[in-house]
Amino acid sequence: MGENATLVAAISTILQRVIENHDAAEELFQWHLRFRRAAIGSLQQHLNTVGAAEGAVMRFERDRLSGHMRSLHQMHQRMSAIAEQARVATATIALADHMTADLSLSRRWALPRTEAAWASMLNGDDACFRGSFRMSRETFDAVAAAVAPVIQRQNTVMRRAVPVKKKLALTLYKLASNLGYLPLSTTFGVGNSTACNIFRETVQALKNLYLADVIKVGDEEENVRGFRELGFPCVGAGLDSSRIRILAPEGKGPESNNQKCFYSMVLQAVVDANGRFMDVYVGVSGGSDDAGVFWNSPVADKLAKGTFFSGLPVIVNGVPVRPLVLEAGALELQPWLMAPYCTPATPKEENFNHYHSRARLPVERAFDRLKSRWRSLYTLLDVEEDLVPDVIVVCCILHNLCESRGDVLLEANPDLPGPEAENDAVPADPPLQRPAPHPPNPRSETASHEGQATRAAIADFLWDRYPHVTHD
């Protein structure tokens, strides 16, 4: 019995131990499962990290490869454009070589012309240059530099542009010699139509460039002083007009035909004491009378209102005298417009007429030098009808430029058409030209009376202050 109890106790102990070992093995198995799951999770995370890294590397390589492909494509496009430009340039050079290689076999875009005459004038001595273009080289270069931005053109593959100096020289030579376009084109080695276009373009450029700066009122005090030195006080300018012979205008023959029976256009000018033009008015047909031309011109309104000159009136023998304008007697007397006595009845009036005529010498000399320098105004002005006013104005502009720079004509030039000589000299005291009486202008009777009072006061002043000069 006692042994059985011992055996049962031993078996119970063994079973207890077996149960404990089984629980330990179960716990160990559970830890093993947890470790295995943790290992599997860590491995999966590692694999995910490796996959992400591989994806990033692949995307980077793909983007870099795509960038290289775009760069290669752009480079290919640029190379193709350069190759196309090279092909065009090669074809252009080949065409130019083909056009210039053999003129006898290729088509001529421009006829070959000689420039010997133009080159001889340009490279000749100063006297030849002045005789051809009516101004010094210095003045010519200054005008060419000023007008170059307007008339300069670019060379093309077909032909070279006409140089600016040749354009200006062609224009000046036509104004000076009045050649037709055909001989002018031969002289300067250009086509007939090209010469016409050059002349028109240059004339319009000169007018637009210089008109406002050259045809203007200058130093009024110096001007009044210059007329005073000629023996006439309070004079601001002289007024005169001339008929410029033109081609018969289409449909305007009778109104352009003047009293001397030739077609003309009126040039009216206000001139200072130095023989420079202060105002010019052109465009009126030559059949108009001087009074009608003047009173319809803008300068008449300015003179009448006292806005042309800025000088204040001066008291002469008790009469206020504005800056005066001297005219030859074709207009009605005004307080600011002095004309000579039509039929002087006393020595005092003859004395007034003498000093009036002498003070008008700069005006007459200005027109003489204008037509002497630019012979196209002396002979028949052979240009298109619409270009006539611009040509006349440009001649006046160039006259002022030359006079201001001292380019005065002094010697005859037999190579140009026109009068036999170009001498500027005129008699210091020419014979008095008695103007014909003209009908009174009904514009202002009061102004006429004031003008007579002004003329009488100046006549008394001249009689009292200057030597007496009368004509028997």
Protein backbone atom coordinates (compact mmCIF):
# COMPACT_ATOMS: atom_id res chain seq x y z
CA MET A 1 0.00 0.00 0.00
CA GLY A 2 2.73 2.32 0.95
CA GLU A 3 4.58 1.49 -2.25
CA ASN A 4 1.56 2.14 -4.32
CA ALA A 5 1.18 5.56 -2.78
CA THR A 6 4.79 6.34 -3.53
CA LEU A 7 4.36 5.22 -7.10
CA VAL A 8 1.25 7.30 -7.52
CA ALA A 9 3.04 10.29 -6.09
CA ALA A 10 5.95 9.75 -8.48
CA ILE A 11 3.61 9.36 -11.42
CA SER A 12 1.74 12.45 -10.34
CA THR A 13 5.00 14.36 -10.14
CA ILE A 14 6.03 13.14 -13.55
CA LEU A 15 2.67 14.09 -14.98
CA GLN A 16 2.98 17.49 -13.34
CA ARG A 17 6.36 17.96 -14.90
CA VAL A 18 5.12 16.77 -18.27
CA ILE A 19 2.30 19.28 -18.08
CA GLU A 20 4.73 22.06 -17.11
CA ASN A 21 7.10 21.11 -19.93
CA HIS A 22 4.19 21.08 -22.32
CA ASP A 23 3.19 24.59 -21.23
CA ALA A 24 6.79 25.77 -21.58
CA ALA A 25 7.00 24.22 -25.04
CA GLU A 26 3.70 25.91 -25.97
CA GLU A 27 5.01 29.26 -24.74
CA LEU A 28 8.25 28.72 -26.56
CA PHE A 29 6.34 27.91 -29.69
CA GLN A 30 4.31 31.10 -29.30
CA TRP A 31 7.53 33.14 -28.93
CA HIS A 32 8.88 31.43 -31.97
CA LEU A 33 5.78 32.39 -33.92
CA ARG A 34 6.07 36.02 -32.72
CA PHE A 35 9.75 36.15 -33.67
CA ARG A 36 8.95 34.66 -37.05
CA ARG A 37 6.18 37.19 -37.66
CA ALA A 38 8.50 40.05 -36.59
CA ALA A 39 11.22 38.74 -38.91
CA ILE A 40 8.76 38.46 -41.75
CA GLY A 41 7.51 42.07 -41.11
CA SER A 42 11.07 43.40 -40.98
CA LEU A 43 11.94 41.55 -44.17
CA GLN A 44 8.81 42.93 -45.88
CA GLN A 45 9.70 46.46 -44.77
CA HIS A 46 13.22 46.00 -46.05
CA LEU A 47 11.89 44.73 -49.34
CA ASN A 48 9.55 47.73 -49.59
CA THR A 49 12.47 50.11 -48.92
CA VAL A 50 14.59 48.38 -51.52
CA GLY A 51 11.70 48.57 -54.02
CA ALA A 52 11.20 52.26 -53.38
CA ALA A 53 14.90 52.91 -53.84
CA GLU A 54 14.94 50.93 -57.05
CA GLY A 55 11.87 52.87 -58.32
CA ALA A 56 13.51 56.20 -57.53
CA VAL A 57 16.67 55.15 -59.32
CA MET A 58 14.69 54.01 -62.32
CA ARG A 59 12.68 57.23 -62.46
CA PHE A 60 15.86 59.35 -62.22
CA GLU A 61 17.50 57.40 -65.01
CA ARG A 62 14.37 57.64 -67.11
CA ASP A 63 14.10 61.46 -66.61
CA ARG A 64 17.78 61.93 -67.36
CA LEU A 65 17.48 59.86 -70.51
CA SER A 66 14.40 61.87 -71.56
CA GLY A 67 16.29 65.15 -71.01
CA HIS A 68 19.15 63.88 -73.11
CA MET A 69 16.70 62.98 -75.84
CA ARG A 70 15.12 66.44 -75.79
CA SER A 71 18.53 68.09 -75.92
CA LEU A 72 19.52 65.90 -78.82
CA HIS A 73 16.28 66.76 -80.62
CA GLN A 74 16.78 70.53 -80.13
CA MET A 75 20.37 70.27 -81.26
CA HIS A 76 19.22 68.40 -84.32
CA GLN A 77 16.70 71.15 -85.12
CA ARG A 78 19.35 73.87 -84.75
CA MET A 79 21.75 71.99 -86.93
CA SER A 80 19.03 71.58 -89.56
CA ALA A 81 18.29 75.35 -89.48
CA ILE A 82 21.98 76.18 -89.80
CA ALA A 83 22.31 73.78 -92.67
CA GLU A 84 19.31 75.39 -94.40
CA GLN A 85 20.78 78.88 -93.93
CA ALA A 86 24.07 77.65 -95.32
CA ARG A 87 22.26 76.23 -98.35
CA VAL A 88 20.46 79.57 -98.91
CA ALA A 89 23.70 81.53 -98.54
CA THR A 90 25.47 79.20 -100.93
CA ALA A 91 22.67 79.56 -103.46
CA THR A 92 22.73 83.37 -103.10
CA ILE A 93 26.48 83.51 -103.60
CA ALA A 94 26.18 81.22 -106.58
CA LEU A 95 23.45 83.47 -108.03
CA ALA A 96 25.55 86.61 -107.48
CA ASP A 97 28.58 84.93 -109.05
CA HIS A 98 26.44 83.83 -111.95
CA MET A 99 25.08 87.35 -112.47
CA THR A 100 28.48 89.02 -112.35
CA ALA A 101 30.65 86.35 -113.93
CA ASP A 102 29.68 86.91 -117.54
CA LEU A 103 27.48 89.88 -118.36
CA SER A 104 27.30 88.80 -121.97
CA LEU A 105 25.56 85.55 -121.01
CA SER A 106 23.55 86.58 -117.90
CA ARG A 107 20.61 88.95 -117.57
CA ARG A 108 21.54 92.52 -116.54
CA TRP A 109 19.50 94.01 -113.73
CA ALA A 110 21.03 97.45 -114.37
CA LEU A 111 22.69 98.72 -117.51
CA PRO A 112 26.39 99.45 -117.14
CA ARG A 113 26.93 103.21 -116.89
CA THR A 114 29.95 105.42 -116.61
CA GLU A 115 30.54 107.76 -113.67
CA ALA A 116 33.51 109.57 -115.17
CA ALA A 117 31.77 112.98 -115.33
CA TRP A 118 30.46 112.73 -111.77
CA ALA A 119 33.84 111.54 -110.48
CA SER A 120 35.67 114.41 -112.21
CA MET A 121 33.34 116.96 -110.60
CA LEU A 122 33.63 115.38 -107.18
CA ASN A 123 37.41 115.01 -107.28
CA GLY A 124 38.19 118.22 -109.14
CA ASP A 125 39.65 121.38 -107.66
CA ASP A 126 37.63 123.71 -105.45
CA ALA A 127 36.81 126.10 -108.29
CA CYS A 128 35.39 123.27 -110.41
CA PHE A 129 33.43 121.93 -107.43
CA ARG A 130 31.97 125.34 -106.61
CA GLY A 131 31.14 125.96 -110.25
CA SER A 132 29.32 122.64 -110.55
CA PHE A 133 27.38 122.61 -107.29
CA ARG A 134 27.29 126.36 -106.43
CA MET A 135 28.65 125.90 -102.93
CA SER A 136 31.90 125.01 -101.17
CA ARG A 137 32.89 121.48 -100.25
CA GLU A 138 32.39 122.27 -96.57
CA THR A 139 28.80 123.40 -97.12
CA PHE A 140 28.16 120.41 -99.42
CA ASP A 141 29.45 117.96 -96.81
CA ALA A 142 27.39 119.61 -94.06
CA VAL A 143 24.18 119.39 -96.11
CA ALA A 144 24.95 115.79 -97.11
CA ALA A 145 25.47 114.77 -93.48
CA ALA A 146 22.19 116.42 -92.44
CA VAL A 147 20.08 114.88 -95.20
CA ALA A 148 21.71 111.41 -95.13
CA PRO A 149 19.34 109.83 -92.55
CA VAL A 150 16.39 110.70 -94.79
CA ILE A 151 17.60 109.68 -98.26
CA GLN A 152 20.13 106.93 -97.46
CA ARG A 153 19.11 103.49 -98.80
CA GLN A 154 20.48 99.98 -98.22
CA ASN A 155 22.40 97.87 -100.71
CA THR A 156 20.66 94.76 -102.04
CA VAL A 157 21.84 91.60 -103.76
CA MET A 158 20.52 93.03 -107.03
CA ARG A 159 22.27 96.41 -107.00
CA ARG A 160 24.11 98.93 -104.86
CA ALA A 161 22.24 101.92 -103.47
CA VAL A 162 23.01 105.35 -104.90
CA PRO A 163 25.30 107.17 -102.42
CA VAL A 164 23.94 110.16 -100.54
CA LYS A 165 26.54 112.54 -101.95
CA LYS A 166 25.67 111.53 -105.50
CA LYS A 167 21.96 112.15 -104.81
CA LEU A 168 22.69 115.59 -103.38
CA ALA A 169 25.13 116.42 -106.18
CA LEU A 170 22.61 115.40 -108.84
CA THR A 171 19.96 117.62 -107.26
CA LEU A 172 22.26 120.64 -106.90
CA TYR A 173 23.57 120.22 -110.44
CA LYS A 174 20.07 120.23 -111.89
CA LEU A 175 19.14 123.30 -109.85
CA ALA A 176 22.33 125.03 -111.00
CA SER A 177 22.28 124.03 -114.66
CA ASN A 178 18.60 123.19 -115.31
CA LEU A 179 19.56 120.10 -117.29
CA GLY A 180 16.85 117.70 -118.39
CA TYR A 181 16.63 114.31 -116.72
CA LEU A 182 18.16 112.47 -119.69
CA PRO A 183 21.49 114.38 -119.81
CA LEU A 184 21.46 114.52 -116.03
CA SER A 185 21.19 110.73 -115.79
CA THR A 186 24.06 110.35 -118.27
CA THR A 187 26.25 112.74 -116.29
CA PHE A 188 25.75 110.90 -113.01
CA GLY A 189 25.62 107.35 -114.33
CA VAL A 190 22.04 106.51 -113.29
CA GLY A 191 18.83 105.72 -115.14
CA ASN A 192 16.48 108.39 -116.42
CA SER A 193 13.65 107.45 -114.05
CA THR A 194 16.17 107.04 -111.21
CA ALA A 195 17.42 110.60 -111.75
CA CYS A 196 13.83 111.87 -111.63
CA ASN A 197 13.08 109.97 -108.41
CA ILE A 198 16.36 111.08 -106.79
CA PHE A 199 15.69 114.74 -107.59
CA ARG A 200 12.14 114.63 -106.23
CA GLU A 201 13.15 112.74 -103.08
CA THR A 202 16.10 115.02 -102.29
CA VAL A 203 14.15 118.25 -102.92
CA GLN A 204 11.38 117.18 -100.56
CA ALA A 205 13.91 116.05 -97.95
CA LEU A 206 15.76 119.38 -98.07
CA LYS A 207 12.52 121.33 -97.74
CA ASN A 208 11.26 119.31 -94.77
CA LEU A 209 14.65 119.39 -93.06
CA TYR A 210 15.63 123.05 -93.43
CA LEU A 211 12.55 125.21 -94.07
CA ALA A 212 11.70 126.10 -90.47
CA ASP A 213 15.34 126.56 -89.40
CA VAL A 214 16.67 128.52 -92.38
CA ILE A 215 13.80 130.68 -93.69
CA LYS A 216 13.12 132.77 -90.58
CA VAL A 217 13.51 136.17 -88.97
CA GLY A 218 17.05 136.52 -87.67
CA ASP A 219 18.62 139.11 -85.40
CA GLU A 220 16.22 142.06 -85.72
CA GLU A 221 18.56 144.65 -84.16
CA GLU A 222 21.38 143.70 -86.52
CA ASN A 223 18.95 143.80 -89.41
CA VAL A 224 17.66 147.29 -88.56
CA ARG A 225 21.27 148.44 -88.12
CA GLY A 226 22.18 147.08 -91.56
CA PHE A 227 19.40 149.03 -93.28
CA ARG A 228 20.28 152.13 -91.25
CA GLU A 229 23.82 151.94 -92.62
CA LEU A 230 22.28 152.10 -96.09
CA GLY A 231 20.60 155.36 -95.13
CA PHE A 232 17.06 154.37 -94.13
CA PRO A 233 15.91 154.20 -90.48
CA CYS A 234 13.50 151.75 -88.80
CA VAL A 235 13.56 149.17 -91.60
CA GLY A 236 13.11 145.51 -90.73
CA ALA A 237 13.02 143.99 -94.22
CA GLY A 238 12.43 144.49 -97.89
CA LEU A 239 9.67 142.92 -99.99
CA ASP A 240 9.85 141.87 -103.61
CA SER A 241 8.52 139.24 -105.99
CA SER A 242 9.61 137.53 -109.19
CA ARG A 243 7.95 135.45 -111.88
CA ILE A 244 9.62 132.07 -112.31
CA ARG A 245 9.21 130.69 -115.82
CA ILE A 246 7.62 127.21 -115.81
CA LEU A 247 6.27 124.67 -118.27
CA ALA A 248 2.72 125.22 -119.45
CA PRO A 249 0.53 123.78 -116.66
CA GLU A 250 -2.18 121.42 -117.79
CA GLY A 251 -5.57 123.14 -117.82
CA LYS A 252 -4.23 126.37 -116.25
CA GLY A 253 -2.72 128.16 -119.21
CA PRO A 254 -4.53 131.54 -119.14
CA GLU A 255 -4.17 132.14 -115.40
CA SER A 256 -0.45 131.21 -115.43
CA ASN A 257 0.37 133.42 -118.41
CA ASN A 258 1.75 136.73 -117.14
CA GLN A 259 2.03 140.17 -118.76
CA LYS A 260 5.27 139.16 -120.50
CA CYS A 261 3.45 136.31 -122.22
CA PHE A 262 5.12 133.31 -120.61
CA TYR A 263 3.87 130.77 -118.09
CA SER A 264 5.16 131.46 -114.61
CA MET A 265 4.72 131.06 -110.88
CA VAL A 266 5.14 133.92 -108.40
CA LEU A 267 7.95 133.92 -105.83
CA GLN A 268 7.32 136.53 -103.14
CA ALA A 269 10.02 136.99 -100.52
CA VAL A 270 10.79 139.12 -97.47
CA VAL A 271 14.54 139.83 -97.38
CA ASP A 272 16.83 141.08 -94.61
CA ALA A 273 19.72 143.53 -94.82
CA ASN A 274 22.20 140.74 -95.57
CA GLY A 275 20.27 139.44 -98.57
CA ARG A 276 18.81 136.39 -96.82
CA PHE A 277 15.20 135.34 -97.14
CA MET A 278 13.09 135.75 -94.01
CA ASP A 279 9.84 134.52 -95.56
CA VAL A 280 8.92 133.04 -98.94
CA TYR A 281 5.51 132.53 -100.51
CA VAL A 282 5.10 130.47 -103.68
CA GLY A 283 2.39 128.55 -105.50
CA VAL A 284 0.39 131.43 -106.99
CA SER A 285 0.10 131.53 -110.78
CA GLY A 286 2.06 134.22 -112.59
CA GLY A 287 -1.03 135.89 -113.99
CA SER A 288 -1.90 137.30 -110.55
CA ASP A 289 -0.99 140.90 -109.72
CA ASP A 290 1.51 141.69 -106.98
CA ALA A 291 -1.05 143.31 -104.70
CA GLY A 292 -3.36 140.32 -104.85
CA VAL A 293 -0.50 137.92 -104.20
CA PHE A 294 0.73 139.89 -101.19
CA TRP A 295 -2.61 140.49 -99.47
CA ASN A 296 -3.50 136.81 -99.80
CA SER A 297 -0.18 135.62 -98.37
CA PRO A 298 0.21 134.69 -94.68
CA VAL A 299 2.99 137.22 -94.15
CA ALA A 300 0.65 140.13 -94.96
CA ASP A 301 -1.57 139.28 -92.03
CA LYS A 302 1.44 138.95 -89.71
CA LEU A 303 2.86 142.30 -90.80
CA ALA A 304 -0.51 144.02 -90.48
CA LYS A 305 -1.01 142.68 -86.96
CA GLY A 306 2.58 143.46 -85.96
CA THR A 307 3.47 139.85 -85.14
CA PHE A 308 6.15 139.34 -87.79
CA PHE A 309 8.67 141.57 -86.00
CA SER A 310 9.02 141.85 -82.22
CA GLY A 311 10.58 145.32 -82.20
CA LEU A 312 8.75 148.25 -80.58
CA PRO A 313 7.78 151.43 -82.46
CA VAL A 314 10.33 154.25 -82.64
CA ILE A 315 9.39 157.93 -82.63
CA VAL A 316 10.58 159.65 -85.84
CA ASN A 317 9.82 163.38 -86.02
CA GLY A 318 6.94 162.92 -83.63
CA VAL A 319 5.40 159.92 -85.42
CA PRO A 320 5.57 156.36 -83.97
CA VAL A 321 7.13 154.09 -86.59
CA ARG A 322 6.97 150.29 -86.43
CA PRO A 323 9.67 148.17 -88.11
CA LEU A 324 9.11 148.93 -91.77
CA VAL A 325 9.03 146.79 -94.89
CA LEU A 326 10.28 148.45 -98.07
CA GLU A 327 8.54 147.59 -101.34
CA ALA A 328 8.94 148.89 -104.88
CA GLY A 329 5.61 150.69 -105.21
CA ALA A 330 3.23 148.00 -106.38
CA LEU A 331 1.32 147.98 -103.07
CA GLU A 332 -0.72 150.55 -101.23
CA LEU A 333 1.10 152.56 -98.61
CA GLN A 334 0.69 151.32 -95.02
CA PRO A 335 2.15 152.51 -91.68
CA TRP A 336 4.47 149.49 -91.82
CA LEU A 337 4.83 149.24 -95.62
CA MET A 338 6.92 151.95 -97.24
CA ALA A 339 6.73 152.61 -100.96
CA PRO A 340 8.46 155.40 -102.88
CA TYR A 341 6.63 158.43 -104.17
CA CYS A 342 5.14 157.52 -107.54
CA THR A 343 5.58 161.03 -108.92
CA PRO A 344 7.89 163.00 -106.59
CA ALA A 345 6.92 166.65 -106.72
CA THR A 346 9.58 168.15 -104.43
CA PRO A 347 13.34 167.67 -103.85
CA LYS A 348 12.49 166.20 -100.45
CA GLU A 349 10.38 163.47 -102.07
CA GLU A 350 13.13 162.76 -104.61
CA ASN A 351 15.60 162.53 -101.74
CA PHE A 352 13.27 160.03 -100.01
CA ASN A 353 13.02 157.94 -103.17
CA HIS A 354 16.81 157.87 -103.50
CA TYR A 355 17.41 156.52 -100.00
CA HIS A 356 14.44 154.18 -100.34
CA SER A 357 15.92 152.74 -103.55
CA ARG A 358 19.37 152.39 -102.00
CA ALA A 359 17.97 150.61 -98.92
CA ARG A 360 16.27 148.13 -101.24
CA LEU A 361 19.59 147.08 -102.81
CA PRO A 362 19.94 143.98 -100.54
CA VAL A 363 16.52 142.81 -101.73
CA GLU A 364 17.37 143.17 -105.41
CA ARG A 365 20.80 141.63 -104.91
CA ALA A 366 19.24 138.67 -103.10
CA PHE A 367 17.05 137.85 -106.10
CA ASP A 368 20.00 138.40 -108.44
CA ARG A 369 22.22 136.01 -106.50
CA LEU A 370 19.39 133.51 -106.12
CA LYS A 371 18.90 133.25 -109.89
CA SER A 372 22.62 133.50 -110.59
CA ARG A 373 23.36 130.57 -108.32
CA TRP A 374 20.36 128.42 -109.22
CA ARG A 375 19.90 128.90 -112.97
CA SER A 376 16.80 126.74 -113.05
CA LEU A 377 14.97 129.81 -111.68
CA TYR A 378 16.44 132.07 -114.36
CA THR A 379 15.59 129.94 -117.36
CA LEU A 380 12.63 127.61 -117.86
CA LEU A 381 12.11 125.51 -114.72
CA ASP A 382 11.86 122.06 -116.29
CA VAL A 383 10.24 120.01 -113.50
CA GLU A 384 6.85 118.47 -112.86
CA GLU A 385 4.05 120.91 -112.05
CA ASP A 386 3.47 119.61 -108.52
CA LEU A 387 7.18 119.92 -107.74
CA VAL A 388 7.60 123.55 -108.86
CA PRO A 389 6.77 125.20 -105.47
CA ASP A 390 9.07 122.84 -103.58
CA VAL A 391 11.95 123.47 -106.01
CA ILE A 392 11.59 127.25 -105.64
CA VAL A 393 11.50 127.01 -101.85
CA VAL A 394 14.53 124.70 -101.79
CA CYS A 395 16.48 127.15 -103.96
CA CYS A 396 15.72 129.87 -101.39
CA ILE A 397 16.78 127.55 -98.56
CA LEU A 398 20.07 126.71 -100.27
CA HIS A 399 20.61 130.42 -100.99
CA ASN A 400 20.34 131.20 -97.27
CA LEU A 401 22.67 128.33 -96.36
CA CYS A 402 25.31 129.50 -98.82
CA GLU A 403 24.99 133.15 -97.80
CA SER A 404 25.22 132.27 -94.11
CA ARG A 405 28.39 130.22 -94.69
CA GLY A 406 30.01 132.84 -96.94
CA ASP A 407 29.68 130.88 -100.21
CA VAL A 408 29.16 134.01 -102.32
CA LEU A 409 29.45 133.80 -106.10
CA LEU A 410 32.06 136.18 -107.42
CA GLU A 411 33.27 134.84 -110.75
CA ALA A 412 31.64 133.93 -114.03
CA ASN A 413 31.17 130.30 -114.94
CA PRO A 414 30.79 129.89 -118.72
CA ASP A 415 30.11 126.16 -118.42
CA LEU A 416 26.53 126.67 -117.25
CA PRO A 417 23.63 127.98 -119.33
CA GLY A 418 22.06 131.34 -118.66
CA PRO A 419 23.47 134.89 -118.75
CA GLU A 420 27.05 135.40 -119.80
CA ALA A 421 28.30 136.23 -116.31
CA GLU A 422 27.44 135.46 -112.71
CA ASN A 423 28.90 138.58 -111.15
CA ASP A 424 27.08 139.61 -108.00
CA ALA A 425 28.16 143.19 -108.33
CA VAL A 426 25.43 145.78 -108.92
CA PRO A 427 25.84 149.58 -109.09
CA ALA A 428 26.15 151.14 -105.66
CA ASP A 429 23.64 153.83 -106.63
CA PRO A 430 21.51 152.58 -109.53
CA PRO A 431 19.27 154.94 -111.48
CA LEU A 432 15.96 155.53 -109.82
CA GLN A 433 13.20 153.42 -111.24
CA ARG A 434 9.96 155.33 -111.03
CA PRO A 435 7.12 152.87 -110.41
CA ALA A 436 3.94 153.23 -112.39
CA PRO A 437 0.89 154.46 -110.50
CA HIS A 438 -1.42 151.74 -109.28
CA PRO A 439 -5.07 151.86 -108.21
CA PRO A 440 -5.59 152.40 -104.45
CA ASN A 441 -6.22 149.35 -102.34
CA PRO A 442 -9.63 149.72 -100.66
CA ARG A 443 -8.59 147.61 -97.65
CA SER A 444 -8.10 150.49 -95.22
CA GLU A 445 -8.28 154.19 -96.02
CA THR A 446 -7.20 155.05 -92.49
CA ALA A 447 -4.11 152.89 -92.78
CA SER A 448 -3.24 154.62 -96.05
CA HIS A 449 -3.43 158.04 -94.36
CA GLU A 450 -1.27 156.77 -91.50
CA GLY A 451 1.19 155.41 -94.04
CA GLN A 452 1.39 158.80 -95.75
CA ALA A 453 2.07 160.46 -92.40
CA THR A 454 4.79 157.93 -91.63
CA ARG A 455 6.40 158.42 -95.05
CA ALA A 456 6.29 162.21 -94.65
CA ALA A 457 7.95 161.97 -91.22
CA ILE A 458 10.72 159.75 -92.58
CA ALA A 459 11.16 162.06 -95.59
CA ASP A 460 11.64 165.00 -93.19
CA PHE A 461 14.07 162.93 -91.10
CA LEU A 462 16.16 162.00 -94.17
CA TRP A 463 16.11 165.58 -95.44
CA ASP A 464 17.32 166.89 -92.06
CA ARG A 465 19.91 164.17 -91.25
CA TYR A 466 21.36 162.94 -94.55
CA PRO A 467 22.98 164.56 -97.59
CA HIS A 468 20.47 165.73 -100.16
CA VAL A 469 20.32 163.73 -103.36
CA THR A 470 17.97 164.69 -106.16
CA HIS A 471 17.61 163.64 -109.80
CA ASP A 472 17.12 166.27 -112.46
